[in-house]
């Protein structure tokens, strides 16, 4: 059951390709922040442009805009997937996104504890270190 405001980047059935892209870009910016998306767009070139278009359209416009899960739940699933596959830079980005999406640090801790059982203790160990670093960076940024 979806509890968040459905207007946030929601893409309607039958949407055009441009509407899907625009909805995806809106959600991507809301979740990851303008600075991250602007950096990704500034760094794209002829080689990576199609990839950036694909993730905006399919991941953000096709999946993150669906009404079936809250953004908090999507963040929990994404964090777990990043731990399971050892994508540590992406994990750091999605820990920040999870906070933006309303998960607390305690909830993120619980997600990481769960990953220790289902993804392995060594992966969870690295995930906890990654989360600590993200929290330190955020605390330093907010106190300066």
N, C-alpha and C. Protein backbone atom coordinates (compact mmCIF):
# COMPACT_ATOMS: atom_id res chain seq x y z
N UNK A 1 0.84 -1.18 0.00
CA UNK A 1 0.00 0.00 0.00
C UNK A 1 0.88 1.24 0.00
N UNK A 2 0.60 2.16 -0.87
CA UNK A 2 1.39 3.37 -0.99
C UNK A 2 0.82 4.43 -0.06
N UNK A 3 1.71 5.04 0.73
CA UNK A 3 1.24 6.05 1.66
C UNK A 3 1.75 7.45 1.31
N UNK A 4 2.67 7.56 0.39
CA UNK A 4 3.20 8.88 0.08
C UNK A 4 2.29 9.58 -0.94
N UNK A 5 2.52 10.85 -1.11
CA UNK A 5 1.75 11.65 -2.05
C UNK A 5 1.99 11.13 -3.46
N UNK A 6 0.97 10.66 -4.16
CA UNK A 6 1.16 10.06 -5.48
C UNK A 6 1.57 11.05 -6.55
N UNK A 7 1.52 12.34 -6.28
CA UNK A 7 1.90 13.31 -7.30
C UNK A 7 3.40 13.41 -7.48
N UNK A 8 4.19 12.93 -6.55
CA UNK A 8 5.65 13.06 -6.62
C UNK A 8 6.21 12.17 -7.72
N UNK A 9 6.33 12.72 -8.92
CA UNK A 9 6.95 12.01 -10.02
C UNK A 9 6.14 10.84 -10.55
N UNK A 10 4.90 10.70 -10.14
CA UNK A 10 4.10 9.56 -10.59
C UNK A 10 3.90 9.64 -12.10
N UNK A 11 4.13 8.53 -12.77
CA UNK A 11 3.95 8.44 -14.21
C UNK A 11 2.67 7.65 -14.45
N UNK A 12 1.77 8.21 -15.21
CA UNK A 12 0.48 7.59 -15.48
C UNK A 12 0.60 6.52 -16.56
N UNK A 13 -0.25 5.48 -16.49
CA UNK A 13 -0.28 4.48 -17.56
C UNK A 13 -0.54 5.17 -18.90
N UNK A 14 0.13 4.70 -19.94
CA UNK A 14 -0.03 5.30 -21.26
C UNK A 14 0.79 6.55 -21.46
N UNK A 15 1.69 6.86 -20.54
CA UNK A 15 2.52 8.06 -20.65
C UNK A 15 3.45 7.96 -21.86
N UNK A 16 3.77 9.09 -22.43
CA UNK A 16 4.71 9.13 -23.54
C UNK A 16 6.12 8.87 -23.03
N UNK A 17 7.01 8.59 -23.93
CA UNK A 17 8.41 8.36 -23.58
C UNK A 17 8.98 9.60 -22.88
N UNK A 18 8.63 10.78 -23.36
CA UNK A 18 9.12 12.01 -22.74
C UNK A 18 8.55 12.19 -21.34
N UNK A 19 7.28 11.85 -21.14
CA UNK A 19 6.66 11.96 -19.81
C UNK A 19 7.31 10.98 -18.83
N UNK A 20 7.64 9.79 -19.31
CA UNK A 20 8.34 8.81 -18.45
C UNK A 20 9.71 9.35 -18.07
N UNK A 21 10.43 9.89 -19.04
CA UNK A 21 11.75 10.47 -18.77
C UNK A 21 11.62 11.62 -17.77
N UNK A 22 10.68 12.53 -18.01
CA UNK A 22 10.51 13.69 -17.13
C UNK A 22 10.12 13.26 -15.71
N UNK A 23 9.22 12.28 -15.62
CA UNK A 23 8.83 11.76 -14.30
C UNK A 23 10.01 11.12 -13.60
N UNK A 24 10.80 10.37 -14.37
CA UNK A 24 12.00 9.74 -13.82
C UNK A 24 13.01 10.76 -13.35
N UNK A 25 13.19 11.80 -14.13
CA UNK A 25 14.15 12.85 -13.75
C UNK A 25 13.67 13.56 -12.49
N UNK A 26 12.37 13.79 -12.38
CA UNK A 26 11.83 14.46 -11.18
C UNK A 26 12.10 13.61 -9.94
N UNK A 27 11.82 12.32 -10.02
CA UNK A 27 12.05 11.44 -8.87
C UNK A 27 13.55 11.31 -8.59
N UNK A 28 14.34 11.17 -9.63
CA UNK A 28 15.79 11.05 -9.46
C UNK A 28 16.33 12.27 -8.71
N UNK A 29 15.88 13.45 -9.08
CA UNK A 29 16.33 14.67 -8.40
C UNK A 29 15.83 14.73 -6.96
N UNK A 30 14.57 14.33 -6.73
CA UNK A 30 14.02 14.34 -5.38
C UNK A 30 14.78 13.37 -4.46
N UNK A 31 15.13 12.21 -4.99
CA UNK A 31 15.75 11.16 -4.18
C UNK A 31 17.25 11.37 -4.02
N UNK A 32 17.94 11.66 -5.12
CA UNK A 32 19.40 11.77 -5.08
C UNK A 32 19.90 13.19 -4.89
N UNK A 33 19.07 14.16 -5.16
CA UNK A 33 19.46 15.56 -5.04
C UNK A 33 19.93 16.14 -6.35
N UNK A 34 19.71 17.43 -6.51
CA UNK A 34 20.09 18.10 -7.74
C UNK A 34 21.59 18.03 -8.00
N UNK A 35 22.40 18.17 -6.95
CA UNK A 35 23.86 18.19 -7.14
C UNK A 35 24.34 16.88 -7.76
N UNK A 36 23.85 15.75 -7.26
CA UNK A 36 24.27 14.46 -7.80
C UNK A 36 23.84 14.31 -9.26
N UNK A 37 22.58 14.63 -9.55
CA UNK A 37 22.06 14.49 -10.91
C UNK A 37 22.77 15.45 -11.86
N UNK A 38 23.01 16.66 -11.39
CA UNK A 38 23.73 17.63 -12.23
C UNK A 38 25.15 17.15 -12.54
N UNK A 39 25.83 16.55 -11.55
CA UNK A 39 27.17 16.00 -11.79
C UNK A 39 27.10 14.86 -12.82
N UNK A 40 26.14 13.97 -12.66
CA UNK A 40 26.00 12.86 -13.60
C UNK A 40 25.74 13.37 -15.00
N UNK A 41 24.87 14.36 -15.12
CA UNK A 41 24.58 14.92 -16.45
C UNK A 41 25.77 15.68 -17.02
N UNK A 42 26.51 16.38 -16.18
CA UNK A 42 27.68 17.13 -16.65
C UNK A 42 28.78 16.19 -17.13
N UNK A 43 28.84 15.00 -16.55
CA UNK A 43 29.90 14.05 -16.92
C UNK A 43 29.52 13.14 -18.08
N UNK A 44 28.28 13.21 -18.56
CA UNK A 44 27.92 12.32 -19.65
C UNK A 44 28.52 12.82 -20.95
N UNK A 45 28.82 11.87 -21.80
CA UNK A 45 29.35 12.17 -23.12
C UNK A 45 28.68 11.23 -24.11
N UNK A 46 29.17 11.18 -25.32
CA UNK A 46 28.58 10.31 -26.33
C UNK A 46 28.58 8.84 -25.93
N UNK A 47 29.54 8.45 -25.11
CA UNK A 47 29.65 7.06 -24.68
C UNK A 47 28.65 6.73 -23.57
N UNK A 48 28.41 7.65 -22.64
CA UNK A 48 27.55 7.37 -21.48
C UNK A 48 26.15 7.96 -21.57
N UNK A 49 25.90 8.77 -22.59
CA UNK A 49 24.60 9.44 -22.70
C UNK A 49 23.43 8.45 -22.75
N UNK A 50 23.55 7.40 -23.52
CA UNK A 50 22.47 6.41 -23.61
C UNK A 50 22.24 5.71 -22.28
N UNK A 51 23.32 5.46 -21.53
CA UNK A 51 23.19 4.83 -20.22
C UNK A 51 22.44 5.75 -19.26
N UNK A 52 22.82 7.03 -19.21
CA UNK A 52 22.14 7.99 -18.33
C UNK A 52 20.66 8.11 -18.70
N UNK A 53 20.37 8.13 -19.99
CA UNK A 53 18.99 8.17 -20.45
C UNK A 53 18.24 6.92 -20.00
N UNK A 54 18.88 5.75 -20.13
CA UNK A 54 18.24 4.49 -19.77
C UNK A 54 17.91 4.45 -18.28
N UNK A 55 18.86 4.82 -17.41
CA UNK A 55 18.57 4.73 -15.97
C UNK A 55 17.51 5.76 -15.55
N UNK A 56 17.51 6.92 -16.19
CA UNK A 56 16.47 7.90 -15.87
C UNK A 56 15.11 7.39 -16.31
N UNK A 57 15.04 6.86 -17.50
CA UNK A 57 13.78 6.41 -18.07
C UNK A 57 13.28 5.11 -17.42
N UNK A 58 14.15 4.11 -17.28
CA UNK A 58 13.71 2.79 -16.83
C UNK A 58 13.72 2.66 -15.31
N UNK A 59 14.88 2.94 -14.68
CA UNK A 59 14.96 2.78 -13.22
C UNK A 59 14.10 3.82 -12.51
N UNK A 60 14.32 5.08 -12.83
CA UNK A 60 13.63 6.15 -12.11
C UNK A 60 12.23 6.39 -12.65
N UNK A 61 12.06 6.41 -13.96
CA UNK A 61 10.74 6.67 -14.55
C UNK A 61 9.84 5.45 -14.62
N UNK A 62 10.43 4.26 -14.72
CA UNK A 62 9.64 3.05 -14.84
C UNK A 62 9.42 2.31 -13.54
N UNK A 63 10.39 2.39 -12.61
CA UNK A 63 10.29 1.64 -11.36
C UNK A 63 10.01 2.55 -10.17
N UNK A 64 10.84 3.56 -9.95
CA UNK A 64 10.70 4.40 -8.75
C UNK A 64 9.39 5.21 -8.76
N UNK A 65 8.74 5.37 -9.91
CA UNK A 65 7.48 6.12 -9.96
C UNK A 65 6.26 5.22 -9.77
N UNK A 66 6.47 3.91 -9.71
CA UNK A 66 5.34 2.99 -9.56
C UNK A 66 4.66 3.19 -8.20
N UNK A 67 3.35 2.98 -8.14
CA UNK A 67 2.62 3.23 -6.90
C UNK A 67 2.66 2.09 -5.88
N UNK A 68 3.25 0.95 -6.18
CA UNK A 68 3.14 -0.22 -5.31
C UNK A 68 3.92 -0.19 -4.01
N UNK A 69 4.98 0.60 -3.92
CA UNK A 69 5.80 0.67 -2.72
C UNK A 69 6.07 2.13 -2.37
N UNK A 70 6.29 2.39 -1.08
CA UNK A 70 6.71 3.72 -0.66
C UNK A 70 8.18 3.91 -1.05
N UNK A 71 8.61 5.13 -1.05
CA UNK A 71 10.03 5.39 -1.31
C UNK A 71 10.91 4.80 -0.20
N UNK A 72 10.41 4.78 1.02
CA UNK A 72 11.18 4.18 2.11
C UNK A 72 11.41 2.70 1.81
N UNK A 73 10.37 1.99 1.39
CA UNK A 73 10.50 0.57 1.08
C UNK A 73 11.44 0.38 -0.12
N UNK A 74 11.32 1.21 -1.12
CA UNK A 74 12.21 1.10 -2.28
C UNK A 74 13.67 1.33 -1.85
N UNK A 75 13.87 2.27 -0.94
CA UNK A 75 15.23 2.51 -0.43
C UNK A 75 15.75 1.29 0.32
N UNK A 76 14.90 0.66 1.15
CA UNK A 76 15.32 -0.52 1.90
C UNK A 76 15.72 -1.65 0.94
N UNK A 77 14.91 -1.87 -0.08
CA UNK A 77 15.22 -2.91 -1.06
C UNK A 77 16.52 -2.58 -1.80
N UNK A 78 16.69 -1.33 -2.18
CA UNK A 78 17.88 -0.92 -2.93
C UNK A 78 19.13 -1.05 -2.09
N UNK A 79 19.08 -0.64 -0.83
CA UNK A 79 20.23 -0.81 0.07
C UNK A 79 20.61 -2.28 0.15
N UNK A 80 19.63 -3.15 0.32
CA UNK A 80 19.90 -4.58 0.40
C UNK A 80 20.56 -5.09 -0.87
N UNK A 81 20.06 -4.66 -2.01
CA UNK A 81 20.64 -5.09 -3.29
C UNK A 81 22.09 -4.61 -3.43
N UNK A 82 22.36 -3.39 -2.99
CA UNK A 82 23.73 -2.87 -3.08
C UNK A 82 24.67 -3.67 -2.19
N UNK A 83 24.22 -4.04 -0.99
CA UNK A 83 25.03 -4.86 -0.09
C UNK A 83 25.24 -6.24 -0.70
N UNK A 84 24.18 -6.83 -1.20
CA UNK A 84 24.26 -8.19 -1.76
C UNK A 84 25.26 -8.28 -2.90
N UNK A 85 25.36 -7.22 -3.67
CA UNK A 85 26.26 -7.25 -4.83
C UNK A 85 27.57 -6.51 -4.61
N UNK A 86 27.76 -5.94 -3.43
CA UNK A 86 29.02 -5.28 -3.12
C UNK A 86 29.25 -3.98 -3.88
N UNK A 87 28.19 -3.26 -4.17
CA UNK A 87 28.31 -1.98 -4.89
C UNK A 87 28.41 -0.85 -3.86
N UNK A 88 29.61 -0.65 -3.32
CA UNK A 88 29.79 0.22 -2.16
C UNK A 88 29.58 1.69 -2.45
N UNK A 89 30.03 2.19 -3.61
CA UNK A 89 29.78 3.60 -3.94
C UNK A 89 28.29 3.85 -4.13
N UNK A 90 27.62 2.93 -4.79
CA UNK A 90 26.17 3.05 -4.97
C UNK A 90 25.47 2.93 -3.62
N UNK A 91 25.99 2.07 -2.73
CA UNK A 91 25.40 1.94 -1.39
C UNK A 91 25.46 3.28 -0.67
N UNK A 92 26.60 3.94 -0.70
CA UNK A 92 26.74 5.24 -0.03
C UNK A 92 25.71 6.23 -0.59
N UNK A 93 25.56 6.26 -1.89
CA UNK A 93 24.59 7.16 -2.52
C UNK A 93 23.18 6.82 -2.06
N UNK A 94 22.85 5.53 -1.98
CA UNK A 94 21.50 5.14 -1.62
C UNK A 94 21.23 5.22 -0.11
N UNK A 95 22.28 5.23 0.70
CA UNK A 95 22.08 5.52 2.13
C UNK A 95 21.67 6.98 2.27
N UNK A 96 22.35 7.87 1.54
CA UNK A 96 21.95 9.28 1.56
C UNK A 96 20.51 9.43 1.07
N UNK A 97 20.20 8.72 -0.02
CA UNK A 97 18.85 8.79 -0.59
C UNK A 97 17.81 8.26 0.40
N UNK A 98 18.16 7.20 1.13
CA UNK A 98 17.22 6.63 2.12
C UNK A 98 16.89 7.66 3.20
N UNK A 99 17.88 8.41 3.63
CA UNK A 99 17.63 9.48 4.61
C UNK A 99 16.70 10.53 4.01
N UNK A 100 16.96 10.91 2.76
CA UNK A 100 16.10 11.85 2.06
C UNK A 100 14.68 11.31 1.96
N UNK A 101 14.55 10.01 1.76
CA UNK A 101 13.24 9.37 1.62
C UNK A 101 12.55 9.12 2.95
N UNK A 102 13.17 9.51 4.05
CA UNK A 102 12.50 9.44 5.34
C UNK A 102 12.90 8.28 6.23
N UNK A 103 13.86 7.45 5.82
CA UNK A 103 14.33 6.41 6.73
C UNK A 103 15.26 7.04 7.77
N UNK A 104 15.21 6.54 8.97
CA UNK A 104 16.09 7.04 10.03
C UNK A 104 17.39 6.24 10.01
N UNK A 105 18.38 6.74 10.71
CA UNK A 105 19.63 6.00 10.85
C UNK A 105 19.39 4.66 11.54
N UNK A 106 18.50 4.64 12.51
CA UNK A 106 18.19 3.37 13.18
C UNK A 106 17.55 2.38 12.23
N UNK A 107 16.68 2.85 11.35
CA UNK A 107 16.07 1.95 10.36
C UNK A 107 17.12 1.43 9.38
N UNK A 108 18.05 2.29 8.98
CA UNK A 108 19.14 1.85 8.09
C UNK A 108 19.99 0.81 8.81
N UNK A 109 20.26 1.03 10.10
CA UNK A 109 21.01 0.04 10.88
C UNK A 109 20.29 -1.29 10.87
N UNK A 110 18.99 -1.29 11.06
CA UNK A 110 18.21 -2.54 11.06
C UNK A 110 18.26 -3.23 9.70
N UNK A 111 18.21 -2.45 8.64
CA UNK A 111 18.33 -3.02 7.29
C UNK A 111 19.69 -3.70 7.14
N UNK A 112 20.74 -3.03 7.60
CA UNK A 112 22.09 -3.59 7.49
C UNK A 112 22.26 -4.83 8.36
N UNK A 113 21.65 -4.83 9.54
CA UNK A 113 21.67 -6.05 10.37
C UNK A 113 20.99 -7.20 9.64
N UNK A 114 19.88 -6.93 8.99
CA UNK A 114 19.18 -7.95 8.22
C UNK A 114 20.06 -8.47 7.08
N UNK A 115 20.82 -7.56 6.44
CA UNK A 115 21.68 -8.01 5.35
C UNK A 115 22.79 -8.92 5.85
N UNK A 116 23.19 -8.78 7.11
CA UNK A 116 24.24 -9.66 7.65
C UNK A 116 23.80 -11.11 7.57
N UNK A 117 22.53 -11.37 7.80
CA UNK A 117 22.01 -12.73 7.77
C UNK A 117 21.84 -13.21 6.34
N UNK A 118 21.28 -12.39 5.47
CA UNK A 118 20.92 -12.83 4.13
C UNK A 118 21.96 -12.54 3.05
N UNK A 119 22.88 -11.62 3.31
CA UNK A 119 23.91 -11.29 2.33
C UNK A 119 25.31 -11.65 2.81
N UNK A 120 25.45 -11.93 4.10
CA UNK A 120 26.74 -12.31 4.65
C UNK A 120 27.32 -11.25 5.56
N UNK A 121 27.98 -11.73 6.60
CA UNK A 121 28.58 -10.83 7.59
C UNK A 121 29.68 -9.95 6.98
N UNK A 122 30.57 -10.49 6.15
CA UNK A 122 31.60 -9.61 5.57
C UNK A 122 31.01 -8.46 4.75
N UNK A 123 29.96 -8.74 3.99
CA UNK A 123 29.31 -7.66 3.23
C UNK A 123 28.66 -6.65 4.16
N UNK A 124 27.99 -7.13 5.19
CA UNK A 124 27.37 -6.21 6.15
C UNK A 124 28.42 -5.39 6.88
N UNK A 125 29.57 -5.99 7.17
CA UNK A 125 30.66 -5.26 7.82
C UNK A 125 31.07 -4.07 6.96
N UNK A 126 31.26 -4.30 5.68
CA UNK A 126 31.63 -3.21 4.77
C UNK A 126 30.49 -2.20 4.66
N UNK A 127 29.26 -2.69 4.66
CA UNK A 127 28.10 -1.79 4.58
C UNK A 127 28.02 -0.88 5.81
N UNK A 128 28.28 -1.43 6.99
CA UNK A 128 28.27 -0.61 8.20
C UNK A 128 29.37 0.45 8.13
N UNK A 129 30.55 0.08 7.65
CA UNK A 129 31.64 1.06 7.50
C UNK A 129 31.25 2.14 6.50
N UNK A 130 30.60 1.74 5.41
CA UNK A 130 30.15 2.70 4.41
C UNK A 130 29.13 3.66 5.01
N UNK A 131 28.17 3.12 5.76
CA UNK A 131 27.15 3.96 6.40
C UNK A 131 27.79 4.91 7.41
N UNK A 132 28.74 4.42 8.21
CA UNK A 132 29.43 5.28 9.17
C UNK A 132 30.07 6.46 8.46
N UNK A 133 30.73 6.19 7.34
CA UNK A 133 31.39 7.25 6.59
C UNK A 133 30.38 8.27 6.06
N UNK A 134 29.26 7.78 5.52
CA UNK A 134 28.21 8.68 5.04
C UNK A 134 27.69 9.54 6.18
N UNK A 135 27.41 8.93 7.33
CA UNK A 135 26.89 9.69 8.47
C UNK A 135 27.91 10.72 8.96
N UNK A 136 29.20 10.34 8.99
CA UNK A 136 30.25 11.29 9.38
C UNK A 136 30.28 12.48 8.43
N UNK A 137 30.23 12.18 7.13
CA UNK A 137 30.25 13.26 6.13
C UNK A 137 29.04 14.18 6.30
N UNK A 138 27.88 13.60 6.52
CA UNK A 138 26.67 14.41 6.70
C UNK A 138 26.75 15.23 7.98
N UNK A 139 27.25 14.63 9.06
CA UNK A 139 27.37 15.36 10.32
C UNK A 139 28.37 16.50 10.20
N UNK A 140 29.46 16.28 9.50
CA UNK A 140 30.47 17.32 9.29
C UNK A 140 29.91 18.44 8.43
N UNK A 141 29.18 18.08 7.38
CA UNK A 141 28.58 19.08 6.49
C UNK A 141 27.55 19.91 7.23
N UNK A 142 26.76 19.30 8.09
CA UNK A 142 25.70 20.02 8.80
C UNK A 142 26.20 20.84 9.98
N UNK A 143 27.42 20.59 10.44
CA UNK A 143 27.94 21.36 11.57
C UNK A 143 28.87 22.47 11.13
N UNK A 144 29.24 22.48 9.86
CA UNK A 144 30.14 23.55 9.36
C UNK A 144 29.38 24.82 9.04
